[in-house]
Amino acid sequence: MRRRDFIWILGGSAVACTIGCTPKADTSGGSGAGGSGDGGGEEPDAGTGATSHDAGPDACVSPTVAMHDTYAQALYYDGTYGPLTGTITTAMVIASATITLDFWHGHGGILHRYTLDPSHFAALRSGQRVTLTTTEVEDHSHMLFVDPHDEAYRVPGAPDVEVPLGC
């Protein structure tokens, strides 16, 4: 067999696999009702019972975890608890976008601030307590934590919300 023939066969196999492994397009012209009147024209896969409508990006159904809005807890230098310092909402956890919040106090009109990033939100979704450090103001910073399990930090009246864990 010549090299050119081998590459042709190999390339043809890859194309055949790609075509065979992609879900069928919905050609019914409708939104799932089956335009030809034959019940959609799709037969379930013998192995899984799934149709091509079950495949693709929408097929990923993420598990969830129940969470609620939670206060962040400031810590004093000696490790004792200071005041509550900001609310971490379930919307923030779901968005998982980097966010910077004000700490409970500052100096000369400049507040300490703290930042939560996507890795912090992932840790909260997995039930882990997250410890953070504030920005430095007047040569010092502070520590705080967010505890997604301790009911003492639940915002009063905050309902449980099903937060997706991701696919």
N, C-alpha and C. Protein backbone atom coordinates (compact mmCIF):
# COMPACT_ATOMS: atom_id res chain seq x y z
N MET A 1 0.85 -1.16 0.00
CA MET A 1 0.00 0.00 0.00
C MET A 1 0.90 1.23 0.00
N ARG A 2 0.54 2.18 -0.84
CA ARG A 2 1.31 3.41 -0.91
C ARG A 2 0.88 4.37 0.19
N ARG A 3 1.79 5.25 0.56
CA ARG A 3 1.53 6.23 1.63
C ARG A 3 0.30 7.07 1.31
N ARG A 4 0.14 7.48 0.08
CA ARG A 4 -0.98 8.31 -0.33
C ARG A 4 -2.29 7.56 -0.13
N ASP A 5 -2.33 6.28 -0.44
CA ASP A 5 -3.54 5.47 -0.26
C ASP A 5 -3.87 5.34 1.23
N PHE A 6 -2.84 5.13 2.04
CA PHE A 6 -3.04 4.99 3.49
C PHE A 6 -3.65 6.27 4.07
N ILE A 7 -3.09 7.42 3.68
CA ILE A 7 -3.61 8.70 4.19
C ILE A 7 -5.05 8.90 3.72
N TRP A 8 -5.37 8.54 2.49
CA TRP A 8 -6.73 8.68 1.97
C TRP A 8 -7.71 7.82 2.80
N ILE A 9 -7.33 6.58 3.08
CA ILE A 9 -8.19 5.69 3.86
C ILE A 9 -8.35 6.22 5.28
N LEU A 10 -7.23 6.64 5.89
CA LEU A 10 -7.27 7.17 7.25
C LEU A 10 -8.13 8.42 7.32
N GLY A 11 -7.96 9.34 6.38
CA GLY A 11 -8.76 10.57 6.35
C GLY A 11 -10.23 10.29 6.12
N GLY A 12 -10.54 9.34 5.25
CA GLY A 12 -11.93 8.97 4.99
C GLY A 12 -12.58 8.36 6.22
N SER A 13 -11.82 7.57 6.97
CA SER A 13 -12.36 6.97 8.20
C SER A 13 -12.68 8.03 9.22
N ALA A 14 -11.82 9.05 9.34
CA ALA A 14 -12.06 10.12 10.32
C ALA A 14 -13.32 10.89 9.95
N VAL A 15 -13.51 11.18 8.67
CA VAL A 15 -14.71 11.90 8.23
C VAL A 15 -15.94 11.05 8.49
N ALA A 16 -15.88 9.77 8.19
CA ALA A 16 -17.02 8.88 8.41
C ALA A 16 -17.37 8.81 9.89
N CYS A 17 -16.37 8.75 10.74
CA CYS A 17 -16.63 8.71 12.18
C CYS A 17 -17.24 10.02 12.64
N THR A 18 -16.74 11.14 12.16
CA THR A 18 -17.27 12.43 12.55
C THR A 18 -18.73 12.55 12.13
N ILE A 19 -19.03 12.15 10.93
CA ILE A 19 -20.41 12.22 10.46
C ILE A 19 -21.27 11.25 11.25
N GLY A 20 -20.79 10.07 11.50
CA GLY A 20 -21.58 9.08 12.22
C GLY A 20 -21.75 9.40 13.69
N CYS A 21 -20.86 10.20 14.26
CA CYS A 21 -20.92 10.49 15.69
C CYS A 21 -21.64 11.78 16.02
N THR A 22 -22.07 12.54 15.02
CA THR A 22 -22.77 13.78 15.29
C THR A 22 -24.27 13.53 15.33
N PRO A 23 -24.99 14.23 16.21
CA PRO A 23 -26.43 14.04 16.26
C PRO A 23 -27.08 14.48 14.97
N LYS A 24 -28.20 13.83 14.63
CA LYS A 24 -28.93 14.20 13.43
C LYS A 24 -29.53 15.58 13.60
N ALA A 25 -29.57 16.34 12.52
CA ALA A 25 -30.21 17.64 12.55
C ALA A 25 -31.72 17.44 12.51
N ASP A 26 -32.46 18.32 13.14
CA ASP A 26 -33.91 18.25 13.11
C ASP A 26 -34.39 18.87 11.81
N THR A 27 -34.84 18.05 10.89
CA THR A 27 -35.29 18.53 9.58
C THR A 27 -36.79 18.56 9.50
N SER A 28 -37.48 18.46 10.63
CA SER A 28 -38.94 18.40 10.61
C SER A 28 -39.56 19.75 10.30
N GLY A 29 -38.77 20.83 10.45
CA GLY A 29 -39.30 22.15 10.18
C GLY A 29 -40.10 22.69 11.35
N GLY A 30 -40.32 21.90 12.36
CA GLY A 30 -41.07 22.36 13.51
C GLY A 30 -40.17 22.40 14.72
N SER A 31 -40.80 22.56 15.87
CA SER A 31 -40.01 22.61 17.09
C SER A 31 -40.21 21.33 17.88
N GLY A 32 -39.90 20.21 17.25
CA GLY A 32 -39.94 18.94 17.95
C GLY A 32 -41.22 18.17 17.75
N ALA A 33 -42.19 18.72 17.03
CA ALA A 33 -43.45 18.03 16.84
C ALA A 33 -43.41 17.06 15.69
N GLY A 34 -42.44 17.19 14.80
CA GLY A 34 -42.34 16.29 13.65
C GLY A 34 -43.25 16.76 12.54
N GLY A 35 -42.70 17.51 11.59
CA GLY A 35 -43.49 18.13 10.53
C GLY A 35 -44.13 17.14 9.61
N SER A 36 -43.70 15.90 9.53
CA SER A 36 -44.26 14.97 8.57
C SER A 36 -45.43 14.18 9.16
N GLY A 37 -45.76 14.40 10.41
CA GLY A 37 -46.87 13.70 11.02
C GLY A 37 -46.54 12.29 11.44
N ASP A 38 -45.27 11.91 11.42
CA ASP A 38 -44.90 10.55 11.77
C ASP A 38 -44.34 10.46 13.19
N GLY A 39 -44.64 11.44 14.02
CA GLY A 39 -44.16 11.40 15.40
C GLY A 39 -42.73 11.85 15.54
N GLY A 40 -42.20 12.60 14.59
CA GLY A 40 -40.85 13.15 14.69
C GLY A 40 -39.84 12.41 13.84
N GLY A 41 -40.14 11.19 13.42
CA GLY A 41 -39.26 10.48 12.51
C GLY A 41 -37.97 9.98 13.13
N GLU A 42 -37.83 10.08 14.42
CA GLU A 42 -36.59 9.62 15.05
C GLU A 42 -36.86 8.36 15.83
N GLU A 43 -35.97 7.42 15.68
CA GLU A 43 -36.10 6.18 16.42
C GLU A 43 -35.11 6.19 17.56
N PRO A 44 -35.49 5.65 18.70
CA PRO A 44 -34.57 5.61 19.83
C PRO A 44 -33.36 4.74 19.51
N ASP A 45 -32.23 5.14 20.07
CA ASP A 45 -31.02 4.36 19.95
C ASP A 45 -31.24 3.05 20.71
N ALA A 46 -30.88 1.94 20.09
CA ALA A 46 -31.14 0.63 20.70
C ALA A 46 -30.42 0.47 22.03
N GLY A 47 -29.24 1.08 22.17
CA GLY A 47 -28.46 0.90 23.40
C GLY A 47 -28.92 1.76 24.56
N THR A 48 -29.38 3.00 24.25
CA THR A 48 -29.69 3.93 25.33
C THR A 48 -31.15 4.34 25.39
N GLY A 49 -31.88 4.16 24.29
CA GLY A 49 -33.25 4.62 24.24
C GLY A 49 -33.36 6.11 23.95
N ALA A 50 -32.21 6.78 23.75
CA ALA A 50 -32.20 8.22 23.52
C ALA A 50 -32.37 8.51 22.03
N THR A 51 -32.98 9.63 21.71
CA THR A 51 -33.09 10.08 20.33
C THR A 51 -32.06 11.18 20.13
N SER A 52 -31.94 11.65 18.88
CA SER A 52 -30.95 12.68 18.61
C SER A 52 -31.30 13.99 19.32
N HIS A 53 -32.55 14.17 19.71
CA HIS A 53 -32.88 15.38 20.47
C HIS A 53 -32.25 15.35 21.86
N ASP A 54 -31.86 14.17 22.33
CA ASP A 54 -31.24 14.06 23.65
C ASP A 54 -29.75 14.34 23.59
N ALA A 55 -29.17 14.44 22.40
CA ALA A 55 -27.73 14.63 22.27
C ALA A 55 -27.39 16.09 22.13
N GLY A 56 -26.13 16.40 22.18
CA GLY A 56 -25.66 17.76 21.95
C GLY A 56 -25.48 18.53 23.23
N PRO A 57 -25.23 19.84 23.09
CA PRO A 57 -24.89 20.66 24.24
C PRO A 57 -26.00 20.73 25.29
N ASP A 58 -27.24 20.63 24.89
CA ASP A 58 -28.34 20.71 25.84
C ASP A 58 -28.51 19.43 26.63
N ALA A 59 -27.80 18.37 26.24
CA ALA A 59 -27.95 17.09 26.93
C ALA A 59 -27.28 17.09 28.30
N CYS A 60 -26.42 18.05 28.55
CA CYS A 60 -25.71 18.12 29.82
C CYS A 60 -26.64 18.68 30.88
N VAL A 61 -27.04 17.86 31.81
CA VAL A 61 -27.85 18.30 32.93
C VAL A 61 -26.96 18.26 34.16
N SER A 62 -26.69 19.43 34.68
CA SER A 62 -25.75 19.54 35.79
C SER A 62 -26.39 19.18 37.11
N PRO A 63 -25.68 18.46 37.96
CA PRO A 63 -26.17 18.26 39.33
C PRO A 63 -26.16 19.60 40.06
N THR A 64 -26.94 19.71 41.09
CA THR A 64 -27.02 20.96 41.83
C THR A 64 -26.75 20.73 43.31
N VAL A 65 -26.53 21.83 44.02
CA VAL A 65 -26.37 21.82 45.46
C VAL A 65 -27.23 22.95 46.02
N ALA A 66 -27.91 22.69 47.12
CA ALA A 66 -28.75 23.71 47.75
C ALA A 66 -27.85 24.68 48.51
N MET A 67 -27.98 25.97 48.21
CA MET A 67 -27.22 27.02 48.89
C MET A 67 -28.17 28.16 49.23
N HIS A 68 -27.69 29.07 50.06
CA HIS A 68 -28.46 30.27 50.42
C HIS A 68 -27.49 31.44 50.53
N ASP A 69 -28.05 32.66 50.51
CA ASP A 69 -27.22 33.84 50.71
C ASP A 69 -26.54 33.74 52.07
N THR A 70 -25.27 34.10 52.13
CA THR A 70 -24.46 33.90 53.32
C THR A 70 -23.64 35.16 53.63
N TYR A 71 -23.55 35.49 54.91
CA TYR A 71 -22.69 36.59 55.34
C TYR A 71 -21.23 36.15 55.37
N ALA A 72 -20.34 37.08 55.08
CA ALA A 72 -18.91 36.88 55.30
C ALA A 72 -18.62 37.30 56.75
N GLN A 73 -17.72 36.60 57.40
CA GLN A 73 -17.38 36.85 58.81
C GLN A 73 -15.98 37.41 58.92
N ALA A 74 -15.87 38.64 59.46
CA ALA A 74 -14.56 39.25 59.68
C ALA A 74 -13.88 38.63 60.89
N LEU A 75 -12.57 38.58 60.83
CA LEU A 75 -11.77 38.08 61.96
C LEU A 75 -10.87 39.20 62.47
N TYR A 76 -10.75 39.30 63.79
CA TYR A 76 -9.79 40.22 64.38
C TYR A 76 -8.40 39.61 64.34
N TYR A 77 -7.40 40.41 64.64
CA TYR A 77 -6.00 39.95 64.60
C TYR A 77 -5.78 38.72 65.46
N ASP A 78 -6.47 38.65 66.60
CA ASP A 78 -6.26 37.51 67.51
C ASP A 78 -7.08 36.28 67.14
N GLY A 79 -7.81 36.35 66.02
CA GLY A 79 -8.60 35.21 65.56
C GLY A 79 -10.04 35.20 66.04
N THR A 80 -10.40 36.13 66.93
CA THR A 80 -11.79 36.20 67.37
C THR A 80 -12.64 36.82 66.27
N TYR A 81 -13.94 36.60 66.38
CA TYR A 81 -14.84 37.08 65.33
C TYR A 81 -15.13 38.56 65.46
N GLY A 82 -15.03 39.24 64.34
CA GLY A 82 -15.43 40.64 64.25
C GLY A 82 -16.85 40.70 63.73
N PRO A 83 -17.23 41.81 63.14
CA PRO A 83 -18.59 41.93 62.60
C PRO A 83 -18.76 41.15 61.28
N LEU A 84 -20.01 40.94 60.91
CA LEU A 84 -20.30 40.39 59.59
C LEU A 84 -19.94 41.45 58.57
N THR A 85 -19.43 41.02 57.42
CA THR A 85 -18.87 42.00 56.48
C THR A 85 -19.21 41.68 55.04
N GLY A 86 -20.45 41.87 54.68
CA GLY A 86 -20.86 41.65 53.30
C GLY A 86 -21.66 40.38 53.12
N THR A 87 -22.41 40.34 52.06
CA THR A 87 -23.27 39.21 51.75
C THR A 87 -22.81 38.57 50.45
N ILE A 88 -22.62 37.26 50.51
CA ILE A 88 -22.31 36.48 49.31
C ILE A 88 -23.63 35.84 48.89
N THR A 89 -24.17 36.27 47.77
CA THR A 89 -25.47 35.78 47.32
C THR A 89 -25.34 34.55 46.44
N THR A 90 -26.41 33.79 46.34
CA THR A 90 -26.40 32.63 45.44
C THR A 90 -26.22 33.08 44.00
N ALA A 91 -26.72 34.27 43.66
CA ALA A 91 -26.54 34.79 42.30
C ALA A 91 -25.06 34.98 41.99
N MET A 92 -24.30 35.46 42.98
CA MET A 92 -22.84 35.61 42.80
C MET A 92 -22.19 34.24 42.58
N VAL A 93 -22.62 33.26 43.36
CA VAL A 93 -22.04 31.91 43.25
C VAL A 93 -22.36 31.32 41.89
N ILE A 94 -23.59 31.48 41.43
CA ILE A 94 -23.99 30.95 40.12
C ILE A 94 -23.20 31.63 39.01
N ALA A 95 -23.07 32.97 39.08
CA ALA A 95 -22.33 33.71 38.04
C ALA A 95 -20.85 33.36 38.05
N SER A 96 -20.30 33.10 39.23
CA SER A 96 -18.88 32.76 39.40
C SER A 96 -17.93 33.73 38.73
N ALA A 97 -18.32 34.99 38.68
CA ALA A 97 -17.46 36.03 38.11
C ALA A 97 -16.69 36.70 39.25
N THR A 98 -15.47 37.10 38.99
CA THR A 98 -14.67 37.77 40.00
C THR A 98 -15.40 39.02 40.48
N ILE A 99 -15.48 39.17 41.80
CA ILE A 99 -16.18 40.30 42.39
C ILE A 99 -15.38 40.80 43.59
N THR A 100 -15.33 42.13 43.75
CA THR A 100 -14.63 42.74 44.88
C THR A 100 -15.66 43.46 45.74
N LEU A 101 -15.60 43.19 47.04
CA LEU A 101 -16.56 43.75 48.00
C LEU A 101 -15.83 44.57 49.06
N ASP A 102 -16.57 45.49 49.67
CA ASP A 102 -16.01 46.30 50.75
C ASP A 102 -15.99 45.51 52.05
N PHE A 103 -14.91 45.69 52.79
CA PHE A 103 -14.79 45.13 54.14
C PHE A 103 -15.55 46.07 55.08
N TRP A 104 -15.72 45.70 56.33
CA TRP A 104 -16.56 46.48 57.23
C TRP A 104 -15.97 47.80 57.66
N HIS A 105 -14.67 48.01 57.53
CA HIS A 105 -14.11 49.31 57.92
C HIS A 105 -12.90 49.66 57.08
N GLY A 106 -12.50 50.88 57.23
CA GLY A 106 -11.33 51.37 56.53
C GLY A 106 -10.61 52.40 57.38
N HIS A 107 -9.80 53.20 56.72
CA HIS A 107 -8.99 54.18 57.43
C HIS A 107 -8.91 55.44 56.58
N GLY A 108 -9.24 56.56 57.17
CA GLY A 108 -9.16 57.83 56.45
C GLY A 108 -9.99 57.83 55.17
N GLY A 109 -11.15 57.17 55.20
CA GLY A 109 -12.03 57.13 54.04
C GLY A 109 -11.67 56.06 53.02
N ILE A 110 -10.64 55.27 53.27
CA ILE A 110 -10.25 54.20 52.36
C ILE A 110 -10.63 52.86 53.00
N LEU A 111 -11.53 52.15 52.37
CA LEU A 111 -11.98 50.86 52.90
C LEU A 111 -11.03 49.73 52.52
N HIS A 112 -10.91 48.77 53.40
CA HIS A 112 -10.31 47.50 53.02
C HIS A 112 -11.31 46.84 52.07
N ARG A 113 -10.82 46.03 51.14
CA ARG A 113 -11.69 45.32 50.21
C ARG A 113 -11.21 43.89 50.11
N TYR A 114 -12.11 42.99 49.67
CA TYR A 114 -11.72 41.60 49.44
C TYR A 114 -12.34 41.12 48.14
N THR A 115 -11.68 40.14 47.53
CA THR A 115 -12.08 39.68 46.20
C THR A 115 -12.34 38.17 46.23
N LEU A 116 -13.46 37.80 45.61
CA LEU A 116 -13.78 36.39 45.38
C LEU A 116 -13.67 36.15 43.88
N ASP A 117 -12.99 35.07 43.51
CA ASP A 117 -12.84 34.73 42.09
C ASP A 117 -13.50 33.37 41.83
N PRO A 118 -13.52 32.92 40.58
CA PRO A 118 -14.19 31.65 40.26
C PRO A 118 -13.73 30.46 41.11
N SER A 119 -12.46 30.42 41.51
CA SER A 119 -12.00 29.30 42.33
C SER A 119 -12.65 29.33 43.72
N HIS A 120 -12.88 30.52 44.26
CA HIS A 120 -13.57 30.64 45.55
C HIS A 120 -15.01 30.16 45.44
N PHE A 121 -15.68 30.54 44.35
CA PHE A 121 -17.08 30.13 44.17
C PHE A 121 -17.18 28.61 43.98
N ALA A 122 -16.21 28.02 43.29
CA ALA A 122 -16.19 26.56 43.12
C ALA A 122 -16.03 25.88 44.47
N ALA A 123 -15.16 26.42 45.33
CA ALA A 123 -14.97 25.86 46.66
C ALA A 123 -16.25 25.98 47.48
N LEU A 124 -16.94 27.12 47.40
CA LEU A 124 -18.20 27.29 48.13
C LEU A 124 -19.25 26.29 47.65
N ARG A 125 -19.34 26.09 46.32
CA ARG A 125 -20.31 25.11 45.79
C ARG A 125 -20.00 23.71 46.30
N SER A 126 -18.73 23.41 46.54
CA SER A 126 -18.38 22.07 47.02
C SER A 126 -18.48 21.98 48.55
N GLY A 127 -18.96 23.06 49.20
CA GLY A 127 -19.20 23.03 50.63
C GLY A 127 -18.02 23.43 51.49
N GLN A 128 -16.97 23.95 50.88
CA GLN A 128 -15.78 24.32 51.64
C GLN A 128 -15.87 25.74 52.18
N ARG A 129 -15.33 25.96 53.37
CA ARG A 129 -15.20 27.30 53.92
C ARG A 129 -14.05 27.97 53.17
N VAL A 130 -14.24 29.24 52.79
CA VAL A 130 -13.24 29.99 52.05
C VAL A 130 -12.71 31.09 52.95
N THR A 131 -11.39 31.17 53.10
CA THR A 131 -10.75 32.21 53.88
C THR A 131 -10.09 33.20 52.93
N LEU A 132 -10.29 34.48 53.19
CA LEU A 132 -9.80 35.54 52.30
C LEU A 132 -9.01 36.57 53.09
N THR A 133 -8.18 37.32 52.40
CA THR A 133 -7.43 38.42 52.98
C THR A 133 -7.87 39.71 52.29
N THR A 134 -8.00 40.77 53.06
CA THR A 134 -8.40 42.05 52.49
C THR A 134 -7.21 42.75 51.85
N THR A 135 -7.53 43.83 51.17
CA THR A 135 -6.47 44.70 50.67
C THR A 135 -5.78 45.37 51.86
N GLU A 136 -4.58 45.83 51.63
CA GLU A 136 -3.82 46.49 52.68
C GLU A 136 -4.14 47.98 52.70
N VAL A 137 -4.43 48.48 53.88
CA VAL A 137 -4.65 49.91 54.09
C VAL A 137 -3.89 50.27 55.35
N GLU A 138 -3.13 51.36 55.32
CA GLU A 138 -2.31 51.80 56.44
C GLU A 138 -1.45 50.65 56.99
N ASP A 139 -0.78 49.97 56.09
CA ASP A 139 0.20 48.92 56.42
C ASP A 139 -0.36 47.69 57.10
N HIS A 140 -1.63 47.38 56.92
CA HIS A 140 -2.17 46.13 57.46
C HIS A 140 -3.35 45.66 56.62
N SER A 141 -3.67 44.38 56.78
CA SER A 141 -4.84 43.78 56.12
C SER A 141 -5.58 42.95 57.16
N HIS A 142 -6.70 42.39 56.77
CA HIS A 142 -7.51 41.58 57.67
C HIS A 142 -7.86 40.26 57.02
N MET A 143 -8.29 39.32 57.83
CA MET A 143 -8.77 38.02 57.35
C MET A 143 -10.28 37.97 57.54
N LEU A 144 -10.93 37.16 56.71
CA LEU A 144 -12.35 36.89 56.85
C LEU A 144 -12.62 35.53 56.25
N PHE A 145 -13.82 35.00 56.49
CA PHE A 145 -14.17 33.74 55.86
C PHE A 145 -15.63 33.75 55.46
N VAL A 146 -15.95 32.85 54.53
CA VAL A 146 -17.32 32.59 54.10
C VAL A 146 -17.54 31.11 54.31
N ASP A 147 -18.58 30.77 55.08
CA ASP A 147 -18.87 29.38 55.39
C ASP A 147 -20.25 29.03 54.82
N PRO A 148 -20.30 28.20 53.77
CA PRO A 148 -21.59 27.92 53.13
C PRO A 148 -22.49 26.97 53.91
N HIS A 149 -21.97 26.32 54.95
CA HIS A 149 -22.76 25.34 55.70
C HIS A 149 -23.28 25.84 57.04
N ASP A 150 -22.53 26.68 57.72
CA ASP A 150 -22.90 27.11 59.06
C ASP A 150 -24.14 28.02 58.98
N GLU A 151 -25.23 27.56 59.57
CA GLU A 151 -26.49 28.30 59.53
C GLU A 151 -26.40 29.64 60.26
N ALA A 152 -25.40 29.82 61.11
CA ALA A 152 -25.23 31.09 61.81
C ALA A 152 -24.96 32.24 60.83
N TYR A 153 -24.48 31.90 59.62
CA TYR A 153 -24.15 32.93 58.64
C TYR A 153 -25.20 33.06 57.53
N ARG A 154 -26.28 32.33 57.64
CA ARG A 154 -27.37 32.44 56.67
C ARG A 154 -28.01 33.83 56.81
N VAL A 155 -28.20 34.51 55.69
CA VAL A 155 -28.92 35.78 55.71
C VAL A 155 -30.36 35.47 56.12
N PRO A 156 -30.92 36.18 57.13
CA PRO A 156 -32.28 35.87 57.59
C PRO A 156 -33.28 35.88 56.44
N GLY A 157 -34.07 34.82 56.36
CA GLY A 157 -35.09 34.71 55.33
C GLY A 157 -34.58 34.26 53.97
N ALA A 158 -33.28 34.03 53.84
CA ALA A 158 -32.72 33.61 52.55
C ALA A 158 -33.16 32.19 52.24
N PRO A 159 -33.82 31.99 51.09
CA PRO A 159 -34.28 30.64 50.75
C PRO A 159 -33.12 29.81 50.19
N ASP A 160 -33.28 28.50 50.27
CA ASP A 160 -32.34 27.61 49.60
C ASP A 160 -32.57 27.71 48.10
N VAL A 161 -31.49 27.76 47.36
CA VAL A 161 -31.53 27.86 45.89
C VAL A 161 -30.67 26.72 45.36
N GLU A 162 -31.16 26.03 44.33
CA GLU A 162 -30.40 24.96 43.70
C GLU A 162 -29.36 25.59 42.78
N VAL A 163 -28.10 25.44 43.14
CA VAL A 163 -26.98 26.05 42.40
C VAL A 163 -26.32 24.94 41.57
N PRO A 164 -26.23 25.14 40.24
CA PRO A 164 -25.60 24.11 39.39
C PRO A 164 -24.13 23.94 39.71
N LEU A 165 -23.68 22.68 39.71
CA LEU A 165 -22.27 22.39 39.93
C LEU A 165 -21.47 22.47 38.64
N GLY A 166 -22.12 22.42 37.49
CA GLY A 166 -21.43 22.47 36.21
C GLY A 166 -21.27 21.08 35.62
N CYS A 167 -21.11 21.02 34.29
CA CYS A 167 -20.96 19.74 33.60
C CYS A 167 -19.51 19.44 33.32
